[in-house]
Amino acid sequence: MSLNKDDVVKIAHLARLAIDEQSIPAYAQNLSDILAFVEQMDRVEVGGTLPMAHPLDMAQRLRADEVSESDQRALLQQGAPAVEAGLYLVPKVID
Protein backbone atom coordinates (compact mmCIF):
# COMPACT_ATOMS: atom_id res chain seq x y z
CA MET A 1 0.00 0.00 0.00
CA SER A 2 1.44 3.31 -1.03
CA LEU A 3 0.45 6.48 0.80
CA ASN A 4 0.19 9.84 -0.90
CA LYS A 5 0.54 13.40 0.39
CA ASP A 6 -3.12 13.68 1.37
CA ASP A 7 -2.92 10.45 3.39
CA VAL A 8 0.12 11.70 5.31
CA VAL A 9 -1.50 15.07 6.01
CA LYS A 10 -4.64 13.34 7.31
CA ILE A 11 -2.63 10.94 9.50
CA ALA A 12 -0.59 13.85 10.88
CA HIS A 13 -3.78 15.76 11.66
CA LEU A 14 -5.31 12.76 13.47
CA ALA A 15 -2.09 12.27 15.44
CA ARG A 16 -1.90 16.00 16.19
CA LEU A 17 1.54 16.24 14.58
CA ALA A 18 2.96 19.20 12.71
CA ILE A 19 4.89 18.09 9.63
CA ASP A 20 6.89 20.37 7.34
CA GLU A 21 5.81 20.37 3.71
CA GLN A 22 9.25 19.16 2.55
CA SER A 23 9.15 16.22 5.01
CA ILE A 24 5.88 14.79 3.68
CA PRO A 25 7.46 12.61 0.94
CA ALA A 26 9.83 11.02 3.47
CA TYR A 27 6.96 10.34 5.86
CA ALA A 28 4.90 8.88 3.02
CA GLN A 29 7.74 6.53 2.07
CA ASN A 30 8.42 5.44 5.67
CA LEU A 31 4.75 4.82 6.43
CA SER A 32 4.30 2.95 3.13
CA ASP A 33 7.28 0.74 4.01
CA ILE A 34 5.76 -0.02 7.42
CA LEU A 35 2.41 -0.93 5.87
CA ALA A 36 4.14 -3.13 3.28
CA PHE A 37 5.95 -4.95 6.08
CA VAL A 38 2.66 -5.48 7.93
CA GLU A 39 1.12 -6.90 4.74
CA GLN A 40 4.12 -9.22 4.39
CA MET A 41 3.72 -10.39 8.00
CA ASP A 42 -0.01 -10.96 7.40
CA ARG A 43 0.81 -13.47 4.64
CA VAL A 44 2.87 -15.71 6.96
CA GLU A 45 1.15 -19.04 7.69
CA VAL A 46 0.84 -19.47 11.46
CA GLY A 47 -2.09 -21.88 11.64
CA GLY A 48 -0.22 -24.66 13.42
CA THR A 49 1.76 -22.43 15.76
CA LEU A 50 0.87 -22.50 19.44
CA PRO A 51 0.76 -19.19 21.30
CA MET A 52 3.62 -18.66 23.71
CA ALA A 53 4.35 -16.19 26.46
CA HIS A 54 8.09 -16.02 25.78
CA PRO A 55 10.26 -16.93 22.80
CA LEU A 56 12.58 -19.06 24.93
CA ASP A 57 11.40 -22.37 26.35
CA MET A 58 12.41 -21.82 29.95
CA ALA A 59 10.73 -21.30 33.30
CA GLN A 60 11.05 -18.04 35.15
CA ARG A 61 13.10 -18.26 38.29
CA LEU A 62 11.08 -17.08 41.26
CA ARG A 63 12.43 -15.97 44.59
CA ALA A 64 10.95 -17.17 47.85
CA ASP A 65 8.01 -15.07 49.05
CA GLU A 66 9.47 -13.85 52.32
CA VAL A 67 8.91 -10.65 54.30
CA SER A 68 11.98 -8.47 53.85
CA GLU A 69 10.85 -5.23 55.54
CA SER A 70 9.32 -4.43 58.90
CA ASP A 71 5.81 -2.98 59.29
CA GLN A 72 6.14 0.82 59.25
CA ARG A 73 2.47 1.70 58.70
CA ALA A 74 2.08 3.76 61.88
CA LEU A 75 5.28 5.67 61.20
CA LEU A 76 4.33 6.44 57.60
CA GLN A 77 0.77 7.46 58.51
CA GLN A 78 1.88 10.00 61.12
CA GLY A 79 2.08 12.74 58.47
CA ALA A 80 -1.27 11.93 56.86
CA PRO A 81 -4.07 14.48 57.40
CA ALA A 82 -6.71 11.80 58.09
CA VAL A 83 -6.35 8.11 58.97
CA GLU A 84 -8.90 5.60 60.22
CA ALA A 85 -8.33 1.92 61.02
CA GLY A 86 -4.94 2.00 59.26
CA LEU A 87 -6.38 3.48 56.04
CA TYR A 88 -5.83 6.91 54.52
CA LEU A 89 -9.00 9.00 54.33
CA VAL A 90 -9.41 11.21 51.26
CA PRO A 91 -12.05 13.78 50.30
CA LYS A 92 -15.09 12.54 48.40
CA VAL A 93 -14.73 13.44 44.72
CA ILE A 94 -17.80 11.69 43.22
CA ASP A 95 -21.35 12.44 44.34
PDB file of N, CA and C in Angstrom:
ATOM      1  N   MET A   1       0.843  -1.170   0.000  1.00  0.00           N
ATOM      2  CA  MET A   1       0.000   0.000   0.000  1.00  0.00           C
ATOM      3  C   MET A   1       0.890   1.235   0.000  1.00  0.00           C
ATOM      4  N   SER A   2       0.644   2.109  -0.919  1.00  0.00           N
ATOM      5  CA  SER A   2       1.445   3.315  -1.033  1.00  0.00           C
ATOM      6  C   SER A   2       0.612   4.515  -0.596  1.00  0.00           C
ATOM      7  N   LEU A   3       1.153   5.298   0.308  1.00  0.00           N
ATOM      8  CA  LEU A   3       0.451   6.477   0.802  1.00  0.00           C
ATOM      9  C   LEU A   3       0.839   7.700  -0.015  1.00  0.00           C
ATOM     10  N   ASN A   4      -0.111   8.600  -0.199  1.00  0.00           N
ATOM     11  CA  ASN A   4       0.194   9.842  -0.905  1.00  0.00           C
ATOM     12  C   ASN A   4       0.219  10.996   0.090  1.00  0.00           C
ATOM     13  N   LYS A   5       0.412  12.206  -0.449  1.00  0.00           N
ATOM     14  CA  LYS A   5       0.544  13.397   0.388  1.00  0.00           C
ATOM     15  C   LYS A   5      -0.704  13.616   1.239  1.00  0.00           C
ATOM     16  N   ASP A   6      -1.877  13.454   0.627  1.00  0.00           N
ATOM     17  CA  ASP A   6      -3.119  13.679   1.370  1.00  0.00           C
ATOM     18  C   ASP A   6      -3.271  12.703   2.531  1.00  0.00           C
ATOM     19  N   ASP A   7      -2.854  11.444   2.324  1.00  0.00           N
ATOM     20  CA  ASP A   7      -2.918  10.449   3.394  1.00  0.00           C
ATOM     21  C   ASP A   7      -2.027  10.852   4.568  1.00  0.00           C
ATOM     22  N   VAL A   8      -0.824  11.312   4.259  1.00  0.00           N
ATOM     23  CA  VAL A   8       0.122  11.699   5.309  1.00  0.00           C
ATOM     24  C   VAL A   8      -0.400  12.919   6.065  1.00  0.00           C
ATOM     25  N   VAL A   9      -0.952  13.875   5.352  1.00  0.00           N
ATOM     26  CA  VAL A   9      -1.499  15.070   6.007  1.00  0.00           C
ATOM     27  C   VAL A   9      -2.654  14.686   6.926  1.00  0.00           C
ATOM     28  N   LYS A  10      -3.513  13.776   6.480  1.00  0.00           N
ATOM     29  CA  LYS A  10      -4.642  13.337   7.306  1.00  0.00           C
ATOM     30  C   LYS A  10      -4.156  12.583   8.545  1.00  0.00           C
ATOM     31  N   ILE A  11      -3.188  11.687   8.365  1.00  0.00           N
ATOM     32  CA  ILE A  11      -2.634  10.939   9.503  1.00  0.00           C
ATOM     33  C   ILE A  11      -1.986  11.890  10.498  1.00  0.00           C
ATOM     34  N   ALA A  12      -1.236  12.878   9.998  1.00  0.00           N
ATOM     35  CA  ALA A  12      -0.586  13.855  10.880  1.00  0.00           C
ATOM     36  C   ALA A  12      -1.632  14.653  11.651  1.00  0.00           C
ATOM     37  N   HIS A  13      -2.719  15.014  10.986  1.00  0.00           N
ATOM     38  CA  HIS A  13      -3.779  15.759  11.663  1.00  0.00           C
ATOM     39  C   HIS A  13      -4.410  14.902  12.773  1.00  0.00           C
ATOM     40  N   LEU A  14      -4.708  13.644  12.480  1.00  0.00           N
ATOM     41  CA  LEU A  14      -5.311  12.760  13.473  1.00  0.00           C
ATOM     42  C   LEU A  14      -4.380  12.518  14.658  1.00  0.00           C
ATOM     43  N   ALA A  15      -3.074  12.487  14.384  1.00  0.00           N
ATOM     44  CA  ALA A  15      -2.088  12.266  15.440  1.00  0.00           C
ATOM     45  C   ALA A  15      -1.652  13.565  16.107  1.00  0.00           C
ATOM     46  N   ARG A  16      -2.230  14.669  15.659  1.00  0.00           N
ATOM     47  CA  ARG A  16      -1.899  16.003  16.194  1.00  0.00           C
ATOM     48  C   ARG A  16      -0.412  16.301  16.054  1.00  0.00           C
ATOM     49  N   LEU A  17       0.138  15.992  14.869  1.00  0.00           N
ATOM     50  CA  LEU A  17       1.542  16.241  14.577  1.00  0.00           C
ATOM     51  C   LEU A  17       1.665  17.348  13.545  1.00  0.00           C
ATOM     52  N   ALA A  18       2.666  18.175  13.707  1.00  0.00           N
ATOM     53  CA  ALA A  18       2.962  19.203  12.712  1.00  0.00           C
ATOM     54  C   ALA A  18       4.116  18.696  11.855  1.00  0.00           C
ATOM     55  N   ILE A  19       3.879  18.600  10.549  1.00  0.00           N
ATOM     56  CA  ILE A  19       4.889  18.088   9.632  1.00  0.00           C
ATOM     57  C   ILE A  19       5.202  19.163   8.600  1.00  0.00           C
ATOM     58  N   ASP A  20       6.478  19.413   8.365  1.00  0.00           N
ATOM     59  CA  ASP A  20       6.893  20.371   7.336  1.00  0.00           C
ATOM     60  C   ASP A  20       6.520  19.836   5.962  1.00  0.00           C
ATOM     61  N   GLU A  21       6.214  20.747   5.075  1.00  0.00           N
ATOM     62  CA  GLU A  21       5.814  20.372   3.714  1.00  0.00           C
ATOM     63  C   GLU A  21       6.900  19.548   3.013  1.00  0.00           C
ATOM     64  N   GLN A  22       8.168  19.893   3.225  1.00  0.00           N
ATOM     65  CA  GLN A  22       9.248  19.163   2.548  1.00  0.00           C
ATOM     66  C   GLN A  22       9.496  17.781   3.160  1.00  0.00           C
ATOM     67  N   SER A  23       8.966  17.531   4.357  1.00  0.00           N
ATOM     68  CA  SER A  23       9.148  16.225   5.008  1.00  0.00           C
ATOM     69  C   SER A  23       8.071  15.218   4.615  1.00  0.00           C
ATOM     70  N   ILE A  24       7.006  15.670   3.997  1.00  0.00           N
ATOM     71  CA  ILE A  24       5.882  14.785   3.681  1.00  0.00           C
ATOM     72  C   ILE A  24       6.282  13.607   2.802  1.00  0.00           C
ATOM     73  N   PRO A  25       7.081  13.793   1.745  1.00  0.00           N
ATOM     74  CA  PRO A  25       7.462  12.614   0.940  1.00  0.00           C
ATOM     75  C   PRO A  25       8.221  11.550   1.741  1.00  0.00           C
ATOM     76  N   ALA A  26       9.093  11.981   2.651  1.00  0.00           N
ATOM     77  CA  ALA A  26       9.834  11.018   3.468  1.00  0.00           C
ATOM     78  C   ALA A  26       8.884  10.259   4.406  1.00  0.00           C
ATOM     79  N   TYR A  27       7.947  10.988   5.001  1.00  0.00           N
ATOM     80  CA  TYR A  27       6.959  10.335   5.864  1.00  0.00           C
ATOM     81  C   TYR A  27       6.112   9.355   5.058  1.00  0.00           C
ATOM     82  N   ALA A  28       5.713   9.758   3.868  1.00  0.00           N
ATOM     83  CA  ALA A  28       4.902   8.878   3.022  1.00  0.00           C
ATOM     84  C   ALA A  28       5.657   7.594   2.705  1.00  0.00           C
ATOM     85  N   GLN A  29       6.932   7.714   2.387  1.00  0.00           N
ATOM     86  CA  GLN A  29       7.741   6.532   2.068  1.00  0.00           C
ATOM     87  C   GLN A  29       7.901   5.629   3.286  1.00  0.00           C
ATOM     88  N   ASN A  30       8.221   6.227   4.441  1.00  0.00           N
ATOM     89  CA  ASN A  30       8.417   5.437   5.665  1.00  0.00           C
ATOM     90  C   ASN A  30       7.130   4.730   6.085  1.00  0.00           C
ATOM     91  N   LEU A  31       6.014   5.445   6.051  1.00  0.00           N
ATOM     92  CA  LEU A  31       4.746   4.824   6.427  1.00  0.00           C
ATOM     93  C   LEU A  31       4.340   3.738   5.430  1.00  0.00           C
ATOM     94  N   SER A  32       4.606   3.968   4.146  1.00  0.00           N
ATOM     95  CA  SER A  32       4.303   2.949   3.135  1.00  0.00           C
ATOM     96  C   SER A  32       5.143   1.701   3.359  1.00  0.00           C
ATOM     97  N   ASP A  33       6.410   1.886   3.716  1.00  0.00           N
ATOM     98  CA  ASP A  33       7.283   0.744   4.009  1.00  0.00           C
ATOM     99  C   ASP A  33       6.765  -0.053   5.210  1.00  0.00           C
ATOM    100  N   ILE A  34       6.301   0.658   6.232  1.00  0.00           N
ATOM    101  CA  ILE A  34       5.764  -0.017   7.416  1.00  0.00           C
ATOM    102  C   ILE A  34       4.523  -0.822   7.047  1.00  0.00           C
ATOM    103  N   LEU A  35       3.627  -0.219   6.277  1.00  0.00           N
ATOM    104  CA  LEU A  35       2.414  -0.926   5.873  1.00  0.00           C
ATOM    105  C   LEU A  35       2.727  -2.127   4.981  1.00  0.00           C
ATOM    106  N   ALA A  36       3.738  -2.001   4.122  1.00  0.00           N
ATOM    107  CA  ALA A  36       4.143  -3.131   3.282  1.00  0.00           C
ATOM    108  C   ALA A  36       4.684  -4.269   4.141  1.00  0.00           C
ATOM    109  N   PHE A  37       5.421  -3.922   5.189  1.00  0.00           N
ATOM    110  CA  PHE A  37       5.951  -4.946   6.083  1.00  0.00           C
ATOM    111  C   PHE A  37       4.812  -5.648   6.833  1.00  0.00           C
ATOM    112  N   VAL A  38       3.808  -4.888   7.252  1.00  0.00           N
ATOM    113  CA  VAL A  38       2.658  -5.484   7.934  1.00  0.00           C
ATOM    114  C   VAL A  38       1.919  -6.426   6.983  1.00  0.00           C
ATOM    115  N   GLU A  39       1.761  -6.026   5.728  1.00  0.00           N
ATOM    116  CA  GLU A  39       1.120  -6.902   4.741  1.00  0.00           C
ATOM    117  C   GLU A  39       1.930  -8.184   4.540  1.00  0.00           C
ATOM    118  N   GLN A  40       3.253  -8.048   4.524  1.00  0.00           N
ATOM    119  CA  GLN A  40       4.123  -9.218   4.387  1.00  0.00           C
ATOM    120  C   GLN A  40       3.963 -10.147   5.596  1.00  0.00           C
ATOM    121  N   MET A  41       3.905  -9.588   6.787  1.00  0.00           N
ATOM    122  CA  MET A  41       3.719 -10.393   7.996  1.00  0.00           C
ATOM    123  C   MET A  41       2.349 -11.072   8.004  1.00  0.00           C
ATOM    124  N   ASP A  42       1.343 -10.406   7.432  1.00  0.00           N
ATOM    125  CA  ASP A  42      -0.009 -10.960   7.395  1.00  0.00           C
ATOM    126  C   ASP A  42      -0.088 -12.204   6.508  1.00  0.00           C
ATOM    127  N   ARG A  43       0.818 -12.327   5.553  1.00  0.00           N
ATOM    128  CA  ARG A  43       0.810 -13.475   4.640  1.00  0.00           C
ATOM    129  C   ARG A  43       1.507 -14.705   5.219  1.00  0.00           C
ATOM    130  N   VAL A  44       2.160 -14.584   6.350  1.00  0.00           N
ATOM    131  CA  VAL A  44       2.871 -15.706   6.960  1.00  0.00           C
ATOM    132  C   VAL A  44       1.854 -16.703   7.511  1.00  0.00           C
ATOM    133  N   GLU A  45       2.048 -17.979   7.216  1.00  0.00           N
ATOM    134  CA  GLU A  45       1.152 -19.037   7.688  1.00  0.00           C
ATOM    135  C   GLU A  45       1.516 -19.408   9.128  1.00  0.00           C
ATOM    136  N   VAL A  46       0.599 -19.185  10.051  1.00  0.00           N
ATOM    137  CA  VAL A  46       0.845 -19.469  11.463  1.00  0.00           C
ATOM    138  C   VAL A  46      -0.240 -20.371  12.050  1.00  0.00           C
ATOM    139  N   GLY A  47      -0.974 -21.062  11.185  1.00  0.00           N
ATOM    140  CA  GLY A  47      -2.093 -21.880  11.637  1.00  0.00           C
ATOM    141  C   GLY A  47      -1.735 -22.939  12.655  1.00  0.00           C
ATOM    142  N   GLY A  48      -0.590 -23.586  12.518  1.00  0.00           N
ATOM    143  CA  GLY A  48      -0.217 -24.662  13.424  1.00  0.00           C
ATOM    144  C   GLY A  48       0.668 -24.219  14.569  1.00  0.00           C
ATOM    145  N   THR A  49       0.873 -22.941  14.729  1.00  0.00           N
ATOM    146  CA  THR A  49       1.760 -22.433  15.765  1.00  0.00           C
ATOM    147  C   THR A  49       0.995 -22.179  17.057  1.00  0.00           C
ATOM    148  N   LEU A  50       1.501 -22.710  18.146  1.00  0.00           N
ATOM    149  CA  LEU A  50       0.869 -22.499  19.440  1.00  0.00           C
ATOM    150  C   LEU A  50       1.298 -21.157  20.013  1.00  0.00           C
ATOM    151  N   PRO A  51       0.384 -20.452  20.656  1.00  0.00           N
ATOM    152  CA  PRO A  51       0.761 -19.194  21.302  1.00  0.00           C
ATOM    153  C   PRO A  51       1.759 -19.449  22.420  1.00  0.00           C
ATOM    154  N   MET A  52       2.661 -18.510  22.627  1.00  0.00           N
ATOM    155  CA  MET A  52       3.625 -18.663  23.713  1.00  0.00           C
ATOM    156  C   MET A  52       3.834 -17.324  24.403  1.00  0.00           C
ATOM    157  N   ALA A  53       4.171 -17.394  25.666  1.00  0.00           N
ATOM    158  CA  ALA A  53       4.355 -16.188  26.456  1.00  0.00           C
ATOM    159  C   ALA A  53       5.759 -15.624  26.302  1.00  0.00           C
ATOM    160  N   HIS A  54       6.699 -16.457  25.879  1.00  0.00           N
ATOM    161  CA  HIS A  54       8.091 -16.019  25.779  1.00  0.00           C
ATOM    162  C   HIS A  54       8.754 -16.816  24.667  1.00  0.00           C
ATOM    163  N   PRO A  55       9.649 -16.198  23.904  1.00  0.00           N
ATOM    164  CA  PRO A  55      10.263 -16.928  22.798  1.00  0.00           C
ATOM    165  C   PRO A  55      11.226 -18.040  23.218  1.00  0.00           C
ATOM    166  N   LEU A  56      11.677 -18.012  24.449  1.00  0.00           N
ATOM    167  CA  LEU A  56      12.576 -19.060  24.931  1.00  0.00           C
ATOM    168  C   LEU A  56      11.793 -20.054  25.769  1.00  0.00           C
ATOM    169  N   ASP A  57      12.088 -21.325  25.603  1.00  0.00           N
ATOM    170  CA  ASP A  57      11.401 -22.374  26.354  1.00  0.00           C
ATOM    171  C   ASP A  57      12.098 -22.581  27.688  1.00  0.00           C
ATOM    172  N   MET A  58      11.794 -21.708  28.637  1.00  0.00           N
ATOM    173  CA  MET A  58      12.407 -21.820  29.951  1.00  0.00           C
ATOM    174  C   MET A  58      11.453 -21.256  31.001  1.00  0.00           C
ATOM    175  N   ALA A  59      11.573 -21.762  32.206  1.00  0.00           N
ATOM    176  CA  ALA A  59      10.726 -21.296  33.300  1.00  0.00           C
ATOM    177  C   ALA A  59      11.376 -20.091  33.965  1.00  0.00           C
ATOM    178  N   GLN A  60      10.534 -19.206  34.462  1.00  0.00           N
ATOM    179  CA  GLN A  60      11.047 -18.035  35.152  1.00  0.00           C
ATOM    180  C   GLN A  60      11.457 -18.420  36.559  1.00  0.00           C
ATOM    181  N   ARG A  61      12.639 -17.983  36.940  1.00  0.00           N
ATOM    182  CA  ARG A  61      13.103 -18.255  38.292  1.00  0.00           C
ATOM    183  C   ARG A  61      12.391 -17.323  39.253  1.00  0.00           C
ATOM    184  N   LEU A  62      11.802 -17.872  40.282  1.00  0.00           N
ATOM    185  CA  LEU A  62      11.084 -17.076  41.259  1.00  0.00           C
ATOM    186  C   LEU A  62      11.810 -17.125  42.585  1.00  0.00           C
ATOM    187  N   ARG A  63      11.817 -16.002  43.263  1.00  0.00           N
ATOM    188  CA  ARG A  63      12.430 -15.966  44.590  1.00  0.00           C
ATOM    189  C   ARG A  63      11.398 -16.392  45.624  1.00  0.00           C
ATOM    190  N   ALA A  64      11.858 -16.768  46.771  1.00  0.00           N
ATOM    191  CA  ALA A  64      10.951 -17.166  47.847  1.00  0.00           C
ATOM    192  C   ALA A  64      10.154 -15.945  48.304  1.00  0.00           C
ATOM    193  N   ASP A  65       8.879 -16.147  48.608  1.00  0.00           N
ATOM    194  CA  ASP A  65       8.012 -15.066  49.049  1.00  0.00           C
ATOM    195  C   ASP A  65       8.182 -14.885  50.554  1.00  0.00           C
ATOM    196  N   GLU A  66       9.158 -14.070  50.914  1.00  0.00           N
ATOM    197  CA  GLU A  66       9.469 -13.852  52.317  1.00  0.00           C
ATOM    198  C   GLU A  66       9.385 -12.372  52.636  1.00  0.00           C
ATOM    199  N   VAL A  67       8.973 -12.040  53.855  1.00  0.00           N
ATOM    200  CA  VAL A  67       8.914 -10.653  54.299  1.00  0.00           C
ATOM    201  C   VAL A  67      10.346 -10.146  54.434  1.00  0.00           C
ATOM    202  N   SER A  68      10.615  -9.001  53.798  1.00  0.00           N
ATOM    203  CA  SER A  68      11.978  -8.466  53.849  1.00  0.00           C
ATOM    204  C   SER A  68      12.040  -7.105  54.529  1.00  0.00           C
ATOM    205  N   GLU A  69      10.876  -6.531  54.871  1.00  0.00           N
ATOM    206  CA  GLU A  69      10.848  -5.233  55.539  1.00  0.00           C
ATOM    207  C   GLU A  69       9.920  -5.312  56.748  1.00  0.00           C
ATOM    208  N   SER A  70      10.187  -4.455  57.718  1.00  0.00           N
ATOM    209  CA  SER A  70       9.323  -4.433  58.900  1.00  0.00           C
ATOM    210  C   SER A  70       8.097  -3.564  58.633  1.00  0.00           C
ATOM    211  N   ASP A  71       7.051  -3.748  59.417  1.00  0.00           N
ATOM    212  CA  ASP A  71       5.815  -2.984  59.287  1.00  0.00           C
ATOM    213  C   ASP A  71       6.051  -1.559  59.783  1.00  0.00           C
ATOM    214  N   GLN A  72       5.930  -0.584  58.899  1.00  0.00           N
ATOM    215  CA  GLN A  72       6.138   0.816  59.253  1.00  0.00           C
ATOM    216  C   GLN A  72       4.866   1.640  59.006  1.00  0.00           C
ATOM    217  N   ARG A  73       3.715   0.994  59.000  1.00  0.00           N
ATOM    218  CA  ARG A  73       2.467   1.697  58.696  1.00  0.00           C
ATOM    219  C   ARG A  73       2.243   2.882  59.623  1.00  0.00           C
ATOM    220  N   ALA A  74       2.350   2.672  60.927  1.00  0.00           N
ATOM    221  CA  ALA A  74       2.080   3.755  61.883  1.00  0.00           C
ATOM    222  C   ALA A  74       3.041   4.923  61.673  1.00  0.00           C
ATOM    223  N   LEU A  75       4.290   4.620  61.428  1.00  0.00           N
ATOM    224  CA  LEU A  75       5.283   5.672  61.202  1.00  0.00           C
ATOM    225  C   LEU A  75       4.969   6.467  59.931  1.00  0.00           C
ATOM    226  N   LEU A  76       4.597   5.765  58.866  1.00  0.00           N
ATOM    227  CA  LEU A  76       4.327   6.436  57.602  1.00  0.00           C
ATOM    228  C   LEU A  76       3.008   7.202  57.626  1.00  0.00           C
ATOM    229  N   GLN A  77       2.053   6.780  58.461  1.00  0.00           N
ATOM    230  CA  GLN A  77       0.769   7.462  58.512  1.00  0.00           C
ATOM    231  C   GLN A  77       0.753   8.636  59.486  1.00  0.00           C
ATOM    232  N   GLN A  78       1.838   8.884  60.175  1.00  0.00           N
ATOM    233  CA  GLN A  78       1.881  10.004  61.115  1.00  0.00           C
ATOM    234  C   GLN A  78       1.692  11.342  60.395  1.00  0.00           C
ATOM    235  N   GLY A  79       2.183  11.477  59.191  1.00  0.00           N
ATOM    236  CA  GLY A  79       2.077  12.740  58.471  1.00  0.00           C
ATOM    237  C   GLY A  79       0.807  12.887  57.657  1.00  0.00           C
ATOM    238  N   ALA A  80      -0.045  11.877  57.656  1.00  0.00           N
ATOM    239  CA  ALA A  80      -1.273  11.926  56.862  1.00  0.00           C
ATOM    240  C   ALA A  80      -2.300  12.821  57.549  1.00  0.00           C
ATOM    241  N   PRO A  81      -3.066  13.601  56.779  1.00  0.00           N
ATOM    242  CA  PRO A  81      -4.069  14.477  57.397  1.00  0.00           C
ATOM    243  C   PRO A  81      -5.220  13.717  58.048  1.00  0.00           C
ATOM    244  N   ALA A  82      -5.599  12.559  57.502  1.00  0.00           N
ATOM    245  CA  ALA A  82      -6.712  11.800  58.087  1.00  0.00           C
ATOM    246  C   ALA A  82      -6.479  10.308  57.884  1.00  0.00           C
ATOM    247  N   VAL A  83      -6.542   9.564  58.993  1.00  0.00           N
ATOM    248  CA  VAL A  83      -6.347   8.114  58.967  1.00  0.00           C
ATOM    249  C   VAL A  83      -7.412   7.477  59.850  1.00  0.00           C
ATOM    250  N   GLU A  84      -7.929   6.337  59.398  1.00  0.00           N
ATOM    251  CA  GLU A  84      -8.900   5.605  60.218  1.00  0.00           C
ATOM    252  C   GLU A  84      -8.695   4.111  59.992  1.00  0.00           C
ATOM    253  N   ALA A  85      -8.507   3.373  61.059  1.00  0.00           N
ATOM    254  CA  ALA A  85      -8.328   1.922  61.018  1.00  0.00           C
ATOM    255  C   ALA A  85      -7.182   1.525  60.084  1.00  0.00           C
ATOM    256  N   GLY A  86      -6.109   2.308  60.078  1.00  0.00           N
ATOM    257  CA  GLY A  86      -4.942   1.996  59.257  1.00  0.00           C
ATOM    258  C   GLY A  86      -5.084   2.362  57.795  1.00  0.00           C
ATOM    259  N   LEU A  87      -6.156   3.090  57.431  1.00  0.00           N
ATOM    260  CA  LEU A  87      -6.383   3.482  56.041  1.00  0.00           C
ATOM    261  C   LEU A  87      -6.330   4.998  55.916  1.00  0.00           C
ATOM    262  N   TYR A  88      -5.840   5.488  54.789  1.00  0.00           N
ATOM    263  CA  TYR A  88      -5.825   6.915  54.518  1.00  0.00           C
ATOM    264  C   TYR A  88      -7.226   7.362  54.110  1.00  0.00           C
ATOM    265  N   LEU A  89      -7.710   8.444  54.699  1.00  0.00           N
ATOM    266  CA  LEU A  89      -9.004   8.998  54.329  1.00  0.00           C
ATOM    267  C   LEU A  89      -8.774  10.156  53.363  1.00  0.00           C
ATOM    268  N   VAL A  90      -9.545  10.168  52.283  1.00  0.00           N
ATOM    269  CA  VAL A  90      -9.412  11.207  51.256  1.00  0.00           C
ATOM    270  C   VAL A  90     -10.765  11.870  51.048  1.00  0.00           C
ATOM    271  N   PRO A  91     -10.775  13.107  50.535  1.00  0.00           N
ATOM    272  CA  PRO A  91     -12.050  13.776  50.300  1.00  0.00           C
ATOM    273  C   PRO A  91     -12.869  13.076  49.236  1.00  0.00           C
ATOM    274  N   LYS A  92     -14.181  13.130  49.375  1.00  0.00           N
ATOM    275  CA  LYS A  92     -15.088  12.539  48.404  1.00  0.00           C
ATOM    276  C   LYS A  92     -15.029  13.367  47.132  1.00  0.00           C
ATOM    277  N   VAL A  93     -14.835  12.714  45.974  1.00  0.00           N
ATOM    278  CA  VAL A  93     -14.734  13.436  44.717  1.00  0.00           C
ATOM    279  C   VAL A  93     -15.880  13.110  43.770  1.00  0.00           C
ATOM    280  N   ILE A  94     -16.673  12.090  44.058  1.00  0.00           N
ATOM    281  CA  ILE A  94     -17.802  11.693  43.222  1.00  0.00           C
ATOM    282  C   ILE A  94     -19.051  11.709  44.073  1.00  0.00           C
ATOM    283  N   ASP A  95     -20.081  12.400  43.595  1.00  0.00           N
ATOM    284  CA  ASP A  95     -21.350  12.437  44.337  1.00  0.00           C
ATOM    285  C   ASP A  95     -22.223  11.266  43.973  1.00  0.00           C
TER     286      ASP A  95
END
